[in-house]
Structure formats: C-alpha cells, structure tokens
Amino acid sequence: MSQLRLPNSLSDFPFPRCINPHYAPVKAETEEWLRGMKVLDPSVQESFEKCDFVLLTAHFYPSLTLDQFRVASKMHMFLFVIDEYTDQADSQGVQVYIHMVVDALERPHVIVPVEDGQCNLREMARQFWQDALAVAPSAYAAQRRFKANMISYMNAVANEADDRAQGTIRSIDAFLEFRRQTAGGYPTLFPMDFCFDIPDEVMQHPTMCAFNDMFADSIFLTNDLYSYNVEQASGFDTQNLVTVVMNEQHVSAQDAMDWVGHYNAQLVGRYAALKADLPSWGPVVDRDVEAYVTSIGHGIRGVDAWSFESERYFGPGGLEVQRTRVMTLLPNIEADVATPLMVMDAVGKRTAAEAGSLP
C-alpha cells in the first residue's frame, strides 16, 4: 500500500509537550456530560470518545485551574460536535445550527425544551456558556470576542458546506484565508483569553493579532497534514490544504505535504521575533500578555502532540506514526455519509492498525 512521510513542522519549536494536571477527572466528567446531551448517534459516540478531545484541551491549556479547565473541555467538546454536524450538513442546515448557537450564547438563562430525537445542540451550547460565565463573570471583553469569533467561524463553515457540495477547490491563497476561519482556531483562544480579559486596544495591536493569526493558521496546517489520510478516504479532502496544493501545483500528495510542512515551520518560526516586537502596556498588562502568548505556544505544540496520542487521525497506531513519521494511505470508504470521524471504524480494526505501521 502507498505510504506518505509526515514532515515535522515543529522540530525547532521551543515549547515542550505539557498536560494539564486536571485531565483525568475532567475527562470522565466531560464525557459523561456529552453522553447526557444525546447529541451524537450511538454509532458515532464511540468513535468520538476515541478522539479524546479532553486530552486536546489538556495539551492546549496546561495552566488552567480546575474550574477553568472544565469550561475549556466543554468548549472543545461542543466545537467538535459542531464540526461533526456541519460535515454532514448543507449551508441551510448550518444556518439552523448557527441560530441555535447564537441564541444560546445570547440567552443562556433560557432553557428551550426539545423532544426525544430532536437536535439538542442549543442546550449543549447553553450549558457550556453558562459555566463559562460563572467561571469568568467579569471577562466582558473575552466573552464578546468569543461570541464574535463563533459567529465568524460558523458563517465560514456554511460557506465551506457550499464548497463541499459543489466540489469547489479554491486557490492556495484564497484557501489559506478561508481555512483560517473554518478551522475554528479563533474560538479556541477563549480559555486563554478569559483568564486575563486583556483590553481590546491591546488585543487589537498588530503584533497581538499576528500571534492570534499564527495560532489559528498553525492549528489548521497541523490538522490538514495529519487529517489528510482520513479525509481522502472519506471523500472530504477538497477542504484540505494538501489537496489544494496538489490541485494548483500539480504535485503528488507527498510534495504537497512537504509544502504544507515547510509553510507551517516558517510560520511558527516567527514566534520569537513576534514576541520581541511586543510593546509594553505597563507591568500588569505585560504580565497577562506574556502568559497569553505563552499559552499560544502551548496550543501550537499541543495540537501536534494530541494528533498522535488520540485516535482521531491514526487510530491506535498514532505513537508509532509519530516515531517513524510514516503513514499508510487508507482505502476509500464507500458510504452515503462517511465523515472523517467515522473512517477508522468503517475500514475495520485491521486497516486502522495499518495506518500507523511500517511494512
């Protein structure tokens, strides 16, 4: 079977792997909460839990307190449920989800009953947001930024659904700008943000914006490298940068992966220079900014580490793929609805193991 070698974009990135100490108990709590929400079909629930999104949260935010980490874990669970829903929806369906989410964020005190079998996404959003407001009740600027980022993200996902339905493959430049929004990186800045509630005039400084953009971009670059295999197997790869590069430059998947890896390495290589360009806003704000940009570094490293430690992209063979940097291409899955999340189970345990092995 064909194999691809994964570039190591973060080989020189100075942040080590870190895990939040509250990971184990919060994982159990959050997965129980997710099951209680009944937002996933039982056929998807097991695959979803194998992805271990609380582990991603632990990598992203190693310094959060217990209560803060609980909120961050619910946020990630909520965002990945949205991702799973919108992968199967057209743009009109995504608009329905947007209405549910925005309504929950604007009216978290209002419970809207749903009958058995109806979509419970609004209640999931409401409970997450209610907990966030309780943990950071006065972080008004961070709350406002999160809501704006969520709306931008979900509107972009609606446009992505149109592209997917039409088989549209954008140019590299257009896709880079578009993917920055559809990957959901900006909303995941929220747990870094609500700890400090940095003023808008500081967050809008060009260097701070560049840090946020670096984070959002590196998240999707790492994702597109590691998710390409399951996405090409499920037919979802038109919205992956590897496919976009292959299409525009007429190169192989390996050459396209090398291009994406080099682009990401150059991007994160600017971290130290950006940090040196930060102005001073006084000792209190400077301390918060230092902690914030440090969190961005942990997040960039964290999504890379989680990609191998969970079963999201490589099945149970992730650590072997991390060691060898080699993966075996999965066969195409023929199904009416087969999202990337479901591919590993659909191809069977044998192929999932092969995805993380050498001949």
Protein backbone atom coordinates (compact mmCIF):
# COMPACT_ATOMS: atom_id res chain seq x y z
CA MET A 1 0.00 0.00 0.00
CA SER A 2 1.12 3.59 -0.66
CA GLN A 3 2.82 5.43 2.16
CA LEU A 4 3.46 9.07 2.96
CA ARG A 5 6.11 10.61 5.17
CA LEU A 6 4.88 13.33 7.51
CA PRO A 7 7.04 16.46 7.80
CA ASN A 8 7.89 17.56 11.33
CA SER A 9 6.93 21.23 11.24
CA LEU A 10 7.62 21.81 14.94
CA SER A 11 11.04 20.17 15.20
CA ASP A 12 12.59 23.52 16.21
CA PHE A 13 9.59 24.99 18.04
CA PRO A 14 10.71 25.77 21.61
CA PHE A 15 7.59 24.66 23.50
CA PRO A 16 7.59 21.18 25.06
CA ARG A 17 4.62 18.87 25.45
CA CYS A 18 2.64 19.78 28.59
CA ILE A 19 -0.52 18.33 30.12
CA ASN A 20 -2.97 19.99 32.49
CA PRO A 21 -2.93 18.10 35.83
CA HIS A 22 -6.74 18.02 35.94
CA TYR A 23 -7.00 15.96 32.75
CA ALA A 24 -8.07 12.58 34.18
CA PRO A 25 -11.02 13.61 36.39
CA VAL A 26 -12.31 16.21 33.94
CA LYS A 27 -12.14 13.71 31.06
CA ALA A 28 -14.56 11.43 32.91
CA GLU A 29 -16.87 14.33 33.82
CA THR A 30 -16.92 15.83 30.35
CA GLU A 31 -17.53 12.57 28.52
CA GLU A 32 -20.40 11.80 30.90
CA TRP A 33 -21.80 15.28 30.17
CA LEU A 34 -21.53 14.65 26.43
CA ARG A 35 -23.36 11.34 26.68
CA GLY A 36 -26.09 13.05 28.69
CA MET A 37 -26.53 15.67 25.97
CA LYS A 38 -27.50 12.91 23.48
CA VAL A 39 -26.21 14.98 20.57
CA LEU A 40 -24.46 12.08 18.84
CA ASP A 41 -25.79 8.91 17.29
CA PRO A 42 -24.59 5.82 19.20
CA SER A 43 -22.74 4.73 16.05
CA VAL A 44 -20.63 7.90 16.28
CA GLN A 45 -20.32 8.22 20.07
CA GLU A 46 -17.65 5.54 20.48
CA SER A 47 -15.54 6.95 17.65
CA PHE A 48 -15.93 10.42 19.14
CA GLU A 49 -14.67 9.32 22.54
CA LYS A 50 -11.63 7.63 20.98
CA CYS A 51 -10.58 11.07 19.75
CA ASP A 52 -10.16 12.15 23.40
CA PHE A 53 -10.90 15.82 22.93
CA VAL A 54 -10.31 16.45 26.64
CA LEU A 55 -6.71 15.35 26.06
CA LEU A 56 -6.51 18.04 23.37
CA THR A 57 -7.81 20.54 25.92
CA ALA A 58 -5.18 19.40 28.41
CA HIS A 59 -2.45 19.95 25.82
CA PHE A 60 -3.83 23.33 24.80
CA TYR A 61 -4.23 24.81 28.26
CA PRO A 62 -1.80 23.18 30.74
CA SER A 63 -2.04 26.05 33.26
CA LEU A 64 -5.80 26.39 33.70
CA THR A 65 -7.34 25.86 37.13
CA LEU A 66 -9.78 23.00 37.65
CA ASP A 67 -12.89 25.10 37.04
CA GLN A 68 -11.34 26.87 34.06
CA PHE A 69 -10.28 23.53 32.60
CA ARG A 70 -13.81 22.16 32.97
CA VAL A 71 -15.13 25.05 30.89
CA ALA A 72 -12.40 24.64 28.27
CA SER A 73 -13.13 20.92 27.99
CA LYS A 74 -16.84 21.51 27.45
CA MET A 75 -15.97 24.15 24.87
CA HIS A 76 -13.80 21.74 22.88
CA MET A 77 -16.43 19.01 23.08
CA PHE A 78 -19.05 21.46 21.85
CA LEU A 79 -16.87 22.69 18.97
CA PHE A 80 -16.10 19.19 17.76
CA VAL A 81 -19.79 18.25 17.89
CA ILE A 82 -20.44 21.27 15.66
CA ASP A 83 -17.67 20.04 13.36
CA GLU A 84 -19.28 16.62 13.14
CA TYR A 85 -22.74 18.09 12.49
CA THR A 86 -21.63 20.55 9.84
CA ASP A 87 -19.56 17.94 7.98
CA GLN A 88 -22.90 16.33 7.11
CA ALA A 89 -24.95 19.49 6.50
CA ASP A 90 -25.57 21.79 3.57
CA SER A 91 -25.32 25.55 4.06
CA GLN A 92 -29.02 25.83 5.01
CA GLY A 93 -28.56 23.17 7.66
CA VAL A 94 -25.54 25.02 9.03
CA GLN A 95 -27.65 28.19 9.28
CA VAL A 96 -30.07 26.29 11.54
CA TYR A 97 -27.16 25.36 13.82
CA ILE A 98 -25.91 28.95 13.78
CA HIS A 99 -29.30 30.15 15.02
CA MET A 100 -29.26 27.58 17.82
CA VAL A 101 -25.77 28.51 18.97
CA VAL A 102 -26.20 32.28 18.78
CA ASP A 103 -29.49 32.06 20.65
CA ALA A 104 -27.82 30.02 23.41
CA LEU A 105 -24.97 32.50 23.74
CA GLU A 106 -27.34 35.46 23.86
CA ARG A 107 -29.90 33.82 26.20
CA PRO A 108 -28.02 31.32 28.38
CA HIS A 109 -30.64 31.70 31.13
CA VAL A 110 -33.39 30.35 28.85
CA ILE A 111 -33.87 26.60 28.51
CA VAL A 112 -35.61 25.60 25.27
CA PRO A 113 -37.12 22.11 25.72
CA VAL A 114 -36.57 19.57 22.97
CA GLU A 115 -38.37 16.30 22.40
CA ASP A 116 -36.61 12.96 22.12
CA GLY A 117 -34.83 12.70 18.78
CA GLN A 118 -34.65 16.47 18.25
CA CYS A 119 -31.32 18.28 17.99
CA ASN A 120 -30.01 19.26 21.44
CA LEU A 121 -27.13 21.42 20.20
CA ARG A 122 -28.59 24.60 21.66
CA GLU A 123 -28.74 23.13 25.15
CA MET A 124 -25.15 21.91 24.83
CA ALA A 125 -24.05 25.42 23.86
CA ARG A 126 -26.14 26.95 26.64
CA GLN A 127 -24.68 24.77 29.38
CA PHE A 128 -21.11 25.38 28.24
CA TRP A 129 -21.69 29.14 28.07
CA GLN A 130 -23.47 29.27 31.42
CA ASP A 131 -20.46 27.56 33.01
CA ALA A 132 -18.08 29.96 31.25
CA LEU A 133 -19.97 32.98 32.56
CA ALA A 134 -19.85 31.55 36.08
CA VAL A 135 -16.08 30.99 35.95
CA ALA A 136 -15.25 34.35 34.33
CA PRO A 137 -18.26 36.58 35.04
CA SER A 138 -16.45 39.88 34.53
CA ALA A 139 -14.36 38.93 31.49
CA TYR A 140 -16.60 41.00 29.27
CA ALA A 141 -14.07 41.67 26.52
CA ALA A 142 -13.15 37.96 26.27
CA GLN A 143 -16.84 37.00 26.19
CA ARG A 144 -17.53 39.50 23.42
CA ARG A 145 -14.55 38.28 21.39
CA PHE A 146 -15.63 34.66 21.75
CA LYS A 147 -19.14 35.34 20.51
CA ALA A 148 -17.82 37.29 17.53
CA ASN A 149 -15.34 34.53 16.72
CA MET A 150 -18.04 31.86 16.95
CA ILE A 151 -20.30 33.69 14.53
CA SER A 152 -17.43 34.21 12.07
CA TYR A 153 -16.47 30.55 12.36
CA MET A 154 -19.96 29.20 11.79
CA ASN A 155 -20.65 31.55 8.87
CA ALA A 156 -17.42 30.35 7.28
CA VAL A 157 -18.46 26.73 7.84
CA ALA A 158 -21.72 27.46 5.99
CA ASN A 159 -19.66 28.68 3.03
CA GLU A 160 -17.48 25.59 3.35
CA ALA A 161 -20.59 23.42 3.03
CA ASP A 162 -21.35 25.13 -0.29
CA ASP A 163 -17.80 24.50 -1.49
CA ARG A 164 -18.05 20.86 -0.44
CA ALA A 165 -21.40 20.36 -2.18
CA GLN A 166 -20.10 21.92 -5.39
CA GLY A 167 -16.72 20.20 -5.26
CA THR A 168 -15.01 23.59 -5.26
CA ILE A 169 -11.26 23.62 -4.71
CA ARG A 170 -10.01 27.16 -4.06
CA SER A 171 -6.62 28.61 -4.96
CA ILE A 172 -3.92 28.29 -2.33
CA ASP A 173 -4.06 31.97 -1.36
CA ALA A 174 -7.86 32.03 -1.19
CA PHE A 175 -7.96 28.78 0.75
CA LEU A 176 -5.40 29.92 3.34
CA GLU A 177 -7.55 32.95 4.15
CA PHE A 178 -10.74 30.87 4.15
CA ARG A 179 -9.37 27.93 6.17
CA ARG A 180 -8.19 30.28 8.90
CA GLN A 181 -11.87 30.80 9.71
CA THR A 182 -13.32 27.34 9.05
CA ALA A 183 -10.82 25.51 11.27
CA GLY A 184 -12.24 27.05 14.45
CA GLY A 185 -8.91 28.24 15.83
CA TYR A 186 -10.10 31.67 16.91
CA PRO A 187 -12.90 30.45 19.22
CA THR A 188 -10.41 28.17 20.98
CA LEU A 189 -8.48 31.25 22.09
CA PHE A 190 -11.28 31.87 24.59
CA PRO A 191 -9.89 29.89 27.57
CA MET A 192 -6.57 31.71 27.14
CA ASP A 193 -8.46 34.99 26.91
CA PHE A 194 -10.94 34.77 29.78
CA CYS A 195 -8.15 34.19 32.30
CA PHE A 196 -6.90 37.73 31.72
CA ASP A 197 -9.61 39.67 29.83
CA ILE A 198 -6.93 41.70 28.07
CA PRO A 199 -8.30 45.08 26.90
CA ASP A 200 -9.45 45.42 23.29
CA GLU A 201 -6.84 48.07 22.50
CA VAL A 202 -4.11 45.59 23.45
CA MET A 203 -5.65 42.61 21.65
CA GLN A 204 -6.07 44.75 18.53
CA HIS A 205 -2.37 45.66 18.40
CA PRO A 206 -0.86 44.31 15.15
CA THR A 207 1.60 42.07 16.99
CA MET A 208 -1.13 40.52 19.15
CA CYS A 209 -3.25 39.99 16.03
CA ALA A 210 -0.26 38.32 14.40
CA PHE A 211 0.04 35.93 17.38
CA ASN A 212 -3.65 35.05 17.11
CA ASP A 213 -3.33 34.52 13.36
CA MET A 214 -0.24 32.35 13.88
CA PHE A 215 -2.18 30.19 16.31
CA ALA A 216 -5.24 29.86 14.06
CA ASP A 217 -3.09 29.13 11.00
CA SER A 218 -0.79 26.62 12.64
CA ILE A 219 -3.79 24.76 14.08
CA PHE A 220 -5.28 24.18 10.64
CA LEU A 221 -1.92 23.50 8.98
CA THR A 222 -1.19 20.77 11.51
CA ASN A 223 -4.74 19.47 11.21
CA ASP A 224 -4.64 19.33 7.42
CA LEU A 225 -1.34 17.46 7.41
CA TYR A 226 -2.49 14.81 9.85
CA SER A 227 -6.15 14.58 8.80
CA TYR A 228 -5.43 14.24 5.08
CA ASN A 229 -5.39 10.45 5.22
CA VAL A 230 -8.85 10.02 6.80
CA GLU A 231 -10.28 12.87 4.74
CA GLN A 232 -9.10 11.48 1.42
CA ALA A 233 -10.52 8.10 2.46
CA SER A 234 -13.94 9.61 3.21
CA GLY A 235 -14.02 11.98 0.23
CA PHE A 236 -13.79 15.12 2.40
CA ASP A 237 -10.36 16.20 1.18
CA THR A 238 -11.44 19.07 -1.11
CA GLN A 239 -11.36 21.25 2.03
CA ASN A 240 -7.83 20.19 2.98
CA LEU A 241 -4.76 22.28 2.11
CA VAL A 242 -2.84 19.21 0.93
CA THR A 243 -5.43 18.64 -1.79
CA VAL A 244 -5.50 22.36 -2.63
CA VAL A 245 -1.71 22.39 -3.14
CA MET A 246 -1.86 19.19 -5.21
CA ASN A 247 -4.55 20.72 -7.41
CA GLU A 248 -2.87 24.10 -8.01
CA GLN A 249 0.74 22.99 -8.29
CA HIS A 250 0.06 19.63 -9.99
CA VAL A 251 2.21 17.76 -7.50
CA SER A 252 1.97 14.49 -5.60
CA ALA A 253 0.46 14.14 -2.14
CA GLN A 254 3.97 13.80 -0.69
CA ASP A 255 5.17 17.01 -2.36
CA ALA A 256 2.05 18.81 -1.17
CA MET A 257 2.59 17.58 2.39
CA ASP A 258 6.17 18.80 2.28
CA TRP A 259 4.91 22.19 1.08
CA VAL A 260 2.40 22.44 3.94
CA GLY A 261 5.00 21.31 6.48
CA HIS A 262 7.52 23.90 5.27
CA TYR A 263 4.88 26.63 5.35
CA ASN A 264 3.96 25.77 8.94
CA ALA A 265 7.61 25.61 10.03
CA GLN A 266 8.22 29.08 8.60
CA LEU A 267 5.07 30.38 10.28
CA VAL A 268 5.85 29.17 13.81
CA GLY A 269 9.49 30.13 13.32
CA ARG A 270 8.35 33.75 13.66
CA TYR A 271 7.25 33.23 17.29
CA ALA A 272 10.41 34.64 18.93
CA ALA A 273 10.54 37.65 16.60
CA LEU A 274 6.91 38.47 17.27
CA LYS A 275 7.45 38.25 21.00
CA ALA A 276 10.38 40.63 20.73
CA ASP A 277 8.14 43.10 18.88
CA LEU A 278 5.58 43.32 21.69
CA PRO A 279 5.38 46.82 23.17
CA SER A 280 4.89 47.50 26.87
CA TRP A 281 1.48 48.37 28.27
CA GLY A 282 2.57 48.53 31.90
CA PRO A 283 3.57 45.77 34.34
CA VAL A 284 0.10 44.28 34.93
CA VAL A 285 -0.94 44.05 31.28
CA ASP A 286 2.57 42.96 30.26
CA ARG A 287 2.35 40.04 32.68
CA ASP A 288 -1.01 38.98 31.24
CA VAL A 289 0.23 39.35 27.66
CA GLU A 290 3.29 37.22 28.47
CA ALA A 291 1.05 34.47 29.85
CA TYR A 292 -1.30 34.75 26.88
CA VAL A 293 1.36 34.38 24.20
CA THR A 294 2.91 31.53 26.19
CA SER A 295 -0.49 29.81 26.06
CA ILE A 296 -0.46 30.23 22.29
CA GLY A 297 2.86 28.40 22.16
CA HIS A 298 1.45 25.55 24.24
CA GLY A 299 -1.58 25.37 21.95
CA ILE A 300 0.54 25.10 18.82
CA ARG A 301 2.59 22.30 20.36
CA GLY A 302 -0.48 20.74 21.93
CA VAL A 303 -2.48 20.07 18.77
CA ASP A 304 0.56 18.37 17.26
CA ALA A 305 1.09 16.09 20.27
CA TRP A 306 -2.62 15.25 20.64
CA SER A 307 -2.87 14.29 16.97
CA PHE A 308 -0.65 11.27 17.67
CA GLU A 309 -1.79 10.46 21.21
CA SER A 310 -5.50 10.24 20.38
CA GLU A 311 -7.10 8.00 17.75
CA ARG A 312 -8.51 10.93 15.77
CA TYR A 313 -6.25 10.58 12.73
CA PHE A 314 -4.10 7.48 13.08
CA GLY A 315 -6.20 5.01 15.03
CA PRO A 316 -4.34 3.12 17.76
CA GLY A 317 -1.05 3.47 15.84
CA GLY A 318 -0.52 7.18 16.44
CA LEU A 319 2.60 6.96 18.59
CA GLU A 320 4.26 4.71 16.01
CA VAL A 321 3.43 7.23 13.29
CA GLN A 322 4.91 9.95 15.49
CA ARG A 323 8.09 7.93 15.89
CA THR A 324 8.53 6.97 12.23
CA ARG A 325 6.73 9.93 10.56
CA VAL A 326 5.31 7.37 8.08
CA MET A 327 1.64 6.56 7.47
CA THR A 328 -0.09 4.15 5.11
CA LEU A 329 -2.84 5.55 2.91
CA LEU A 330 -6.30 4.31 3.86
CA PRO A 331 -8.62 2.91 1.17
CA ASN A 332 -11.61 4.95 0.08
CA ILE A 333 -14.80 4.34 2.04
CA GLU A 334 -17.97 3.92 0.02
CA ALA A 335 -20.88 5.16 2.08
CA ASP A 336 -23.68 7.65 1.69
CA VAL A 337 -22.49 9.53 4.76
CA ALA A 338 -18.98 8.80 5.98
CA THR A 339 -17.35 11.64 7.87
CA PRO A 340 -13.63 11.62 8.70
CA LEU A 341 -14.51 10.82 12.32
CA MET A 342 -16.11 7.54 11.23
CA VAL A 343 -13.45 6.33 8.81
CA MET A 344 -11.30 4.32 11.20
CA ASP A 345 -14.23 2.23 12.38
CA ALA A 346 -15.61 1.90 8.87
CA VAL A 347 -12.44 0.41 7.43
CA GLY A 348 -12.10 -2.02 10.34
CA LYS A 349 -9.52 -2.59 13.02
CA ARG A 350 -7.04 -4.18 10.62
CA THR A 351 -6.76 -1.14 8.38
CA ALA A 352 -6.70 1.23 11.35
CA ALA A 353 -3.65 -0.57 12.64
CA GLU A 354 -2.03 -0.48 9.22
CA ALA A 355 -2.42 3.28 9.16
CA GLY A 356 0.17 3.50 11.88
CA SER A 357 2.62 0.82 10.76
CA LEU A 358 5.63 0.26 8.56
CA PRO A 359 5.88 -2.68 6.16
